[in-house]
Amino acid sequence: MKHNNIVKAARVSAEARAVSDSELALINRYTRRELCADEVYVFPVTLCDNEIDRDGERFTAEALEKLARLFEGKTGIFDHDPAAKNQTARIFSCAVEGDGDRTNSLGEPYLRLAARAYMPKTEGNRELIAAIDSGIIKEVSVGCAVEKTVCSVCGEELSDCPHQKGRSYGGRLCCGELCNPTDAYEWSFVAVPAQRGAGVTKSAGKEKSMEKLLKTLESSGGVMLSGGDCKRLLGYIDNLKQSAKDGVYYRESLTAEVLRLSAAVQPDISRDTMETVARGMTVAQLGEFKAAYEKMKNEAFAPEPQLYGGKAKQSGASNGQFTI
């Protein structure tokens, strides 16, 4: 049995592989017509577990229990690409189970999210079924959203606490604990999952969620959003709009100052010409011109004191140093 991925079944008889009546009843909750056992291919899959993944995060036991309910009926796709053509299978049952006396890296009882999925036995699925049975396609990861990620050491929001993932504090390893899943989107066949064998795609916390969301948009061009993600994205866009307005105001003010100084130190250049040049500059370049023009203006219009020693030397009077 392979943990954290599609479970490879041992060699069993054809009777043991047959779809049971109870499983068929669960499957037919999602079909438009009643399917018979010969029409469906059923396989077990481990979606995720409570082990620490490559991101230094893990699902808690409570999170796995909630995910078990959320993932029932969810579709399986490839590489988290939500295109309809990538739909391959659907989960019809899901539950949390242990593995005897096995424990995770934190010394807790090992738990996994074990599901049963089905797909129709069609000519189009024949090669995919063969790839699953032969172990060529086996790694999976899940797409879901969680409410928050807390520190395993202090229990505070991971982004707000002083502890660092991967370090031990008083003999306790720090990791991010993914708490209270709010939505389950899909599960995917992938090449390199985050969890060893069964990876996980997560969203938790504003900064991390936004960073992962933007990376997903850049890499695939499409992503499914929860209600919380939508609110965060809209807030992020609103902040960008305000920043853009502030940037426009600053640039216009800087351009106007450059044009004013240019008229003083380079009067031979027309305002229209200088304005055309200024509009093509970056903000940094405008700043450089402003500093240079201010220096030129200060040098050209330096104040001259009323008592100037040079005049005294030119007058031959003995008291010339007092001449105004």
Protein backbone atom coordinates (compact mmCIF):
# COMPACT_ATOMS: atom_id res chain seq x y z
CA MET A 1 0.00 0.00 0.00
CA LYS A 2 1.39 3.41 -0.92
CA HIS A 3 0.59 6.18 1.50
CA ASN A 4 -0.48 9.69 0.41
CA ASN A 5 -1.26 8.73 -3.14
CA ILE A 6 -3.44 6.41 -5.12
CA VAL A 7 -3.53 3.18 -3.18
CA LYS A 8 -2.14 0.32 -5.20
CA ALA A 9 -4.33 -2.70 -4.61
CA ALA A 10 -2.81 -6.11 -4.09
CA ARG A 11 -3.67 -8.92 -6.46
CA VAL A 12 -7.15 -10.08 -5.63
CA SER A 13 -9.82 -12.06 -7.35
CA ALA A 14 -12.25 -10.60 -9.84
CA GLU A 15 -15.03 -11.03 -7.31
CA ALA A 16 -13.18 -8.91 -4.74
CA ARG A 17 -12.64 -6.16 -7.33
CA ALA A 18 -16.29 -6.01 -8.28
CA VAL A 19 -18.23 -2.93 -7.25
CA SER A 20 -20.52 -3.71 -4.33
CA ASP A 21 -24.20 -2.82 -4.33
CA SER A 22 -23.64 -0.27 -1.55
CA GLU A 23 -20.84 1.43 -3.52
CA LEU A 24 -22.97 1.44 -6.67
CA ALA A 25 -25.75 3.15 -4.74
CA LEU A 26 -23.33 5.87 -3.63
CA ILE A 27 -22.02 6.29 -7.17
CA ASN A 28 -25.48 6.62 -8.66
CA ARG A 29 -26.14 9.67 -6.48
CA TYR A 30 -23.97 11.56 -8.97
CA THR A 31 -25.11 10.03 -12.26
CA ARG A 32 -27.96 11.04 -14.59
CA ARG A 33 -28.96 7.42 -15.08
CA GLU A 34 -28.49 4.27 -13.04
CA LEU A 35 -25.15 2.67 -13.86
CA CYS A 36 -24.45 -1.01 -13.39
CA ALA A 37 -21.28 -2.47 -11.86
CA ASP A 38 -19.77 -3.38 -15.23
CA GLU A 39 -19.90 0.24 -16.39
CA VAL A 40 -17.69 1.80 -13.70
CA TYR A 41 -14.06 1.53 -12.64
CA VAL A 42 -13.56 2.10 -8.90
CA PHE A 43 -10.24 2.79 -7.18
CA PRO A 44 -9.07 3.93 -3.71
CA VAL A 45 -7.06 7.12 -3.27
CA THR A 46 -5.41 8.78 -0.29
CA LEU A 47 -5.93 12.52 -0.70
CA CYS A 48 -3.80 13.89 2.15
CA ASP A 49 -2.76 13.16 5.74
CA ASN A 50 -1.62 14.75 9.01
CA GLU A 51 2.09 14.50 8.17
CA ILE A 52 4.23 17.65 7.68
CA ASP A 53 4.54 18.40 3.95
CA ARG A 54 7.27 20.03 1.88
CA ASP A 55 5.91 23.48 2.79
CA GLY A 56 6.34 22.78 6.51
CA GLU A 57 2.57 22.57 7.00
CA ARG A 58 0.07 19.86 7.88
CA PHE A 59 -3.62 19.22 8.34
CA THR A 60 -4.86 18.67 11.87
CA ALA A 61 -7.04 15.68 12.71
CA GLU A 62 -10.06 18.00 12.98
CA ALA A 63 -9.27 19.49 9.55
CA LEU A 64 -9.12 16.03 7.98
CA GLU A 65 -12.53 15.15 9.44
CA LYS A 66 -14.06 18.27 7.91
CA LEU A 67 -12.32 17.66 4.57
CA ALA A 68 -13.80 14.16 4.50
CA ARG A 69 -17.26 15.72 4.28
CA LEU A 70 -16.21 18.48 1.90
CA PHE A 71 -14.54 16.17 -0.63
CA GLU A 72 -17.47 13.82 -1.17
CA GLY A 73 -18.69 14.34 -4.74
CA LYS A 74 -15.65 16.39 -5.79
CA THR A 75 -14.20 15.79 -9.23
CA GLY A 76 -10.69 14.64 -10.09
CA ILE A 77 -8.75 16.59 -12.71
CA PHE A 78 -5.16 17.03 -13.95
CA ASP A 79 -2.66 19.57 -12.55
CA HIS A 80 -5.37 21.67 -10.85
CA ASP A 81 -6.53 22.92 -14.25
CA PRO A 82 -10.29 23.51 -13.82
CA ALA A 83 -11.12 23.00 -17.50
CA ALA A 84 -14.10 20.69 -17.98
CA LYS A 85 -12.13 18.52 -20.42
CA ASN A 86 -9.73 17.61 -17.58
CA GLN A 87 -12.40 15.97 -15.43
CA THR A 88 -11.51 12.31 -15.05
CA ALA A 89 -13.12 10.83 -11.95
CA ARG A 90 -15.34 11.64 -8.96
CA ILE A 91 -15.15 10.79 -5.26
CA PHE A 92 -18.23 8.96 -3.97
CA SER A 93 -17.06 8.22 -0.41
CA CYS A 94 -14.42 9.69 1.88
CA ALA A 95 -13.33 9.07 5.47
CA VAL A 96 -10.43 9.57 7.88
CA GLU A 97 -8.58 6.39 8.83
CA GLY A 98 -5.46 5.42 10.76
CA ASP A 99 -2.71 2.94 9.96
CA GLY A 100 -2.30 0.66 12.93
CA ASP A 101 0.43 1.82 15.30
CA ARG A 102 2.02 4.15 12.76
CA THR A 103 2.76 7.70 13.94
CA ASN A 104 3.66 10.90 12.08
CA SER A 105 6.86 12.93 12.56
CA LEU A 106 5.30 14.68 15.57
CA GLY A 107 4.67 11.38 17.34
CA GLU A 108 0.90 11.58 16.86
CA PRO A 109 -1.20 8.72 15.44
CA TYR A 110 -0.92 8.83 11.65
CA LEU A 111 -4.19 9.75 9.92
CA ARG A 112 -5.02 9.91 6.23
CA LEU A 113 -7.99 11.05 4.18
CA ALA A 114 -8.99 7.89 2.33
CA ALA A 115 -11.44 8.19 -0.55
CA ARG A 116 -13.07 5.96 -3.14
CA ALA A 117 -13.42 7.34 -6.66
CA TYR A 118 -15.03 6.13 -9.86
CA MET A 119 -14.87 6.78 -13.56
CA PRO A 120 -16.88 5.25 -16.43
CA LYS A 121 -15.36 2.36 -18.34
CA THR A 122 -15.19 3.95 -21.76
CA GLU A 123 -12.81 3.65 -24.67
CA GLY A 124 -11.56 7.15 -23.91
CA ASN A 125 -10.69 6.15 -20.32
CA ARG A 126 -9.08 2.82 -21.21
CA GLU A 127 -5.51 4.16 -21.29
CA LEU A 128 -6.02 6.19 -18.09
CA ILE A 129 -7.33 3.14 -16.24
CA ALA A 130 -4.32 1.15 -17.46
CA ALA A 131 -1.97 3.93 -16.28
CA ILE A 132 -3.58 3.92 -12.82
CA ASP A 133 -3.47 0.13 -12.51
CA SER A 134 0.17 0.03 -13.61
CA GLY A 135 1.25 2.75 -11.17
CA ILE A 136 2.26 5.24 -13.87
CA ILE A 137 -0.32 7.75 -12.68
CA LYS A 138 -0.61 7.70 -8.91
CA GLU A 139 0.43 11.00 -7.21
CA VAL A 140 -2.44 13.30 -6.28
CA SER A 141 -2.96 16.57 -4.45
CA VAL A 142 -6.02 18.41 -3.24
CA GLY A 143 -7.25 21.94 -3.89
CA CYS A 144 -8.91 23.43 -0.84
CA ALA A 145 -9.15 26.52 1.36
CA VAL A 146 -8.55 26.75 5.10
CA GLU A 147 -9.51 29.50 7.51
CA LYS A 148 -6.10 29.96 9.09
CA THR A 149 -2.63 28.50 9.63
CA VAL A 150 -1.45 28.45 13.24
CA CYS A 151 1.95 27.76 14.79
CA SER A 152 2.29 24.26 16.25
CA VAL A 153 4.44 25.68 19.08
CA CYS A 154 2.40 28.64 20.38
CA GLY A 155 -0.96 28.29 18.64
CA GLU A 156 -0.90 31.84 17.27
CA GLU A 157 -1.33 32.78 13.60
CA LEU A 158 1.87 31.60 11.94
CA SER A 159 2.42 34.96 10.19
CA ASP A 160 2.23 36.81 13.54
CA CYS A 161 4.31 34.58 15.82
CA PRO A 162 8.12 34.65 16.26
CA HIS A 163 8.67 30.96 15.52
CA GLN A 164 10.01 29.62 12.22
CA LYS A 165 8.86 26.51 10.41
CA GLY A 166 11.34 23.66 10.57
CA ARG A 167 12.99 24.76 13.82
CA SER A 168 12.55 23.11 17.21
CA TYR A 169 11.65 25.06 20.35
CA GLY A 170 11.98 23.26 23.64
CA GLY A 171 11.96 19.95 21.80
CA ARG A 172 8.80 20.84 19.83
CA LEU A 173 9.07 21.10 16.04
CA CYS A 174 7.48 24.19 14.53
CA CYS A 175 5.15 23.72 11.57
CA GLY A 176 2.03 25.39 10.22
CA GLU A 177 -1.18 23.67 11.25
CA LEU A 178 -3.96 24.10 8.70
CA CYS A 179 -7.19 24.66 10.59
CA ASN A 180 -10.89 24.72 9.76
CA PRO A 181 -11.17 23.97 6.02
CA THR A 182 -13.84 26.17 4.46
CA ASP A 183 -14.04 24.68 0.97
CA ALA A 184 -12.77 21.78 -1.12
CA TYR A 185 -12.42 22.50 -4.83
CA GLU A 186 -11.01 19.38 -6.48
CA TRP A 187 -8.30 16.75 -6.34
CA SER A 188 -5.72 16.38 -9.06
CA PHE A 189 -3.35 13.92 -10.61
CA VAL A 190 0.03 15.69 -10.41
CA ALA A 191 3.70 14.90 -11.01
CA VAL A 192 5.23 16.53 -7.91
CA PRO A 193 2.83 17.12 -5.01
CA ALA A 194 3.67 19.17 -1.92
CA GLN A 195 3.04 16.28 0.44
CA ARG A 196 5.33 13.30 -0.06
CA GLY A 197 3.23 11.42 -2.55
CA ALA A 198 -0.06 13.22 -2.24
CA GLY A 199 0.66 16.94 -2.05
CA VAL A 200 -1.72 19.64 -1.11
CA THR A 201 -2.64 23.04 -2.51
CA LYS A 202 -3.75 25.35 0.31
CA SER A 203 -4.82 28.92 0.97
CA ALA A 204 -4.61 30.42 4.42
CA GLY A 205 -3.88 33.93 5.65
CA LYS A 206 -4.00 37.07 3.54
CA GLU A 207 -0.35 37.29 2.58
CA LYS A 208 0.19 33.64 1.81
CA SER A 209 -3.17 33.20 0.11
CA MET A 210 -2.62 36.22 -2.13
CA GLU A 211 0.91 35.14 -3.01
CA LYS A 212 -0.20 31.64 -3.97
CA LEU A 213 -3.25 32.98 -5.80
CA LEU A 214 -1.16 35.33 -7.95
CA LYS A 215 1.38 32.60 -8.68
CA THR A 216 -1.42 30.29 -9.77
CA LEU A 217 -2.89 32.95 -12.04
CA GLU A 218 0.52 33.61 -13.58
CA SER A 219 1.28 29.93 -14.19
CA SER A 220 -2.08 28.55 -15.30
CA GLY A 221 -4.27 31.55 -16.09
CA GLY A 222 -7.21 30.16 -14.12
CA VAL A 223 -8.08 29.41 -10.51
CA MET A 224 -11.18 28.58 -8.49
CA LEU A 225 -11.85 31.01 -5.64
CA SER A 226 -13.67 30.62 -2.36
CA GLY A 227 -15.78 33.44 -0.97
CA GLY A 228 -12.96 34.48 1.35
CA ASP A 229 -10.43 34.46 -1.49
CA CYS A 230 -12.73 36.68 -3.58
CA LYS A 231 -12.95 39.23 -0.76
CA ARG A 232 -9.19 39.25 -0.30
CA LEU A 233 -8.60 39.62 -4.03
CA LEU A 234 -11.07 42.52 -4.26
CA GLY A 235 -9.40 44.20 -1.29
CA TYR A 236 -6.01 43.72 -2.92
CA ILE A 237 -7.30 45.27 -6.16
CA ASP A 238 -8.79 48.23 -4.25
CA ASN A 239 -5.41 48.86 -2.60
CA LEU A 240 -3.72 48.75 -6.00
CA LYS A 241 -6.23 51.28 -7.37
CA GLN A 242 -5.53 53.67 -4.50
CA SER A 243 -1.79 53.21 -4.92
CA ALA A 244 -2.16 53.95 -8.62
CA LYS A 245 -4.05 57.17 -7.87
CA ASP A 246 -1.36 58.26 -5.42
CA GLY A 247 1.31 57.42 -7.98
CA VAL A 248 -0.39 59.48 -10.69
CA TYR A 249 -0.71 62.47 -8.34
CA TYR A 250 2.98 62.22 -7.35
CA ARG A 251 4.12 61.94 -10.96
CA GLU A 252 2.05 64.94 -12.06
CA SER A 253 3.42 67.02 -9.20
CA LEU A 254 6.99 65.98 -10.02
CA THR A 255 6.49 66.75 -13.73
CA ALA A 256 5.11 70.20 -12.96
CA GLU A 257 8.13 70.97 -10.75
CA VAL A 258 10.57 69.84 -13.47
CA LEU A 259 8.83 72.09 -16.04
CA ARG A 260 8.94 75.06 -13.64
CA LEU A 261 12.65 74.63 -12.95
CA SER A 262 13.42 74.04 -16.63
CA ALA A 263 11.86 77.39 -17.53
CA ALA A 264 14.23 79.07 -15.08
CA VAL A 265 17.53 77.37 -15.98
CA GLN A 266 16.91 76.44 -19.63
CA PRO A 267 14.70 79.23 -21.02
CA ASP A 268 15.73 78.48 -24.61
CA ILE A 269 13.83 75.16 -24.49
CA SER A 270 10.10 75.66 -25.07
CA ARG A 271 7.65 74.36 -22.50
CA ASP A 272 5.95 72.14 -25.11
CA THR A 273 9.25 70.47 -25.97
CA MET A 274 10.21 69.99 -22.34
CA GLU A 275 6.77 68.66 -21.46
CA THR A 276 6.99 66.08 -24.26
CA VAL A 277 10.37 64.95 -22.94
CA ALA A 278 9.14 64.83 -19.34
CA ARG A 279 6.09 62.72 -20.22
CA GLY A 280 8.42 60.04 -21.55
CA MET A 281 10.52 59.88 -18.38
CA THR A 282 10.17 57.44 -15.53
CA VAL A 283 9.50 58.76 -12.03
CA ALA A 284 13.15 58.07 -11.13
CA GLN A 285 14.37 60.06 -14.14
CA LEU A 286 12.08 62.96 -13.28
CA GLY A 287 13.56 62.95 -9.80
CA GLU A 288 17.08 63.14 -11.23
CA PHE A 289 16.16 66.08 -13.49
CA LYS A 290 14.48 67.89 -10.59
CA ALA A 291 17.60 67.53 -8.42
CA ALA A 292 19.90 68.67 -11.26
CA TYR A 293 17.71 71.68 -12.13
CA GLU A 294 17.50 72.74 -8.49
CA LYS A 295 21.31 72.67 -8.26
CA MET A 296 21.62 74.72 -11.48
CA LYS A 297 19.07 77.24 -10.22
CA ASN A 298 20.82 77.65 -6.88
CA GLU A 299 24.17 78.23 -8.60
CA ALA A 300 22.78 80.69 -11.17
CA PHE A 301 20.77 82.74 -8.73
CA ALA A 302 23.02 82.62 -5.68
CA PRO A 303 22.35 85.64 -3.41
CA GLU A 304 25.11 88.35 -3.33
CA PRO A 305 25.75 90.15 0.00
CA GLN A 306 25.50 93.95 0.10
CA LEU A 307 28.96 94.27 1.63
CA TYR A 308 31.20 92.77 -1.02
CA GLY A 309 34.97 92.82 -0.46
CA GLY A 310 35.78 93.08 -4.15
CA LYS A 311 34.35 96.61 -4.43
CA ALA A 312 36.49 97.79 -1.53
CA LYS A 313 39.65 96.67 -3.28
CA GLN A 314 38.67 98.51 -6.48
CA SER A 315 38.01 101.85 -4.73
CA GLY A 316 41.33 103.33 -3.59
CA ALA A 317 39.79 104.83 -0.43
CA SER A 318 41.30 103.89 2.85
CA ASN A 319 37.88 103.25 4.24
CA GLY A 320 36.74 101.42 1.12
CA GLN A 321 35.82 98.34 3.13
CA PHE A 322 32.82 100.32 4.36
CA THR A 323 31.67 101.31 0.88
CA ILE A 324 28.20 100.11 -0.11
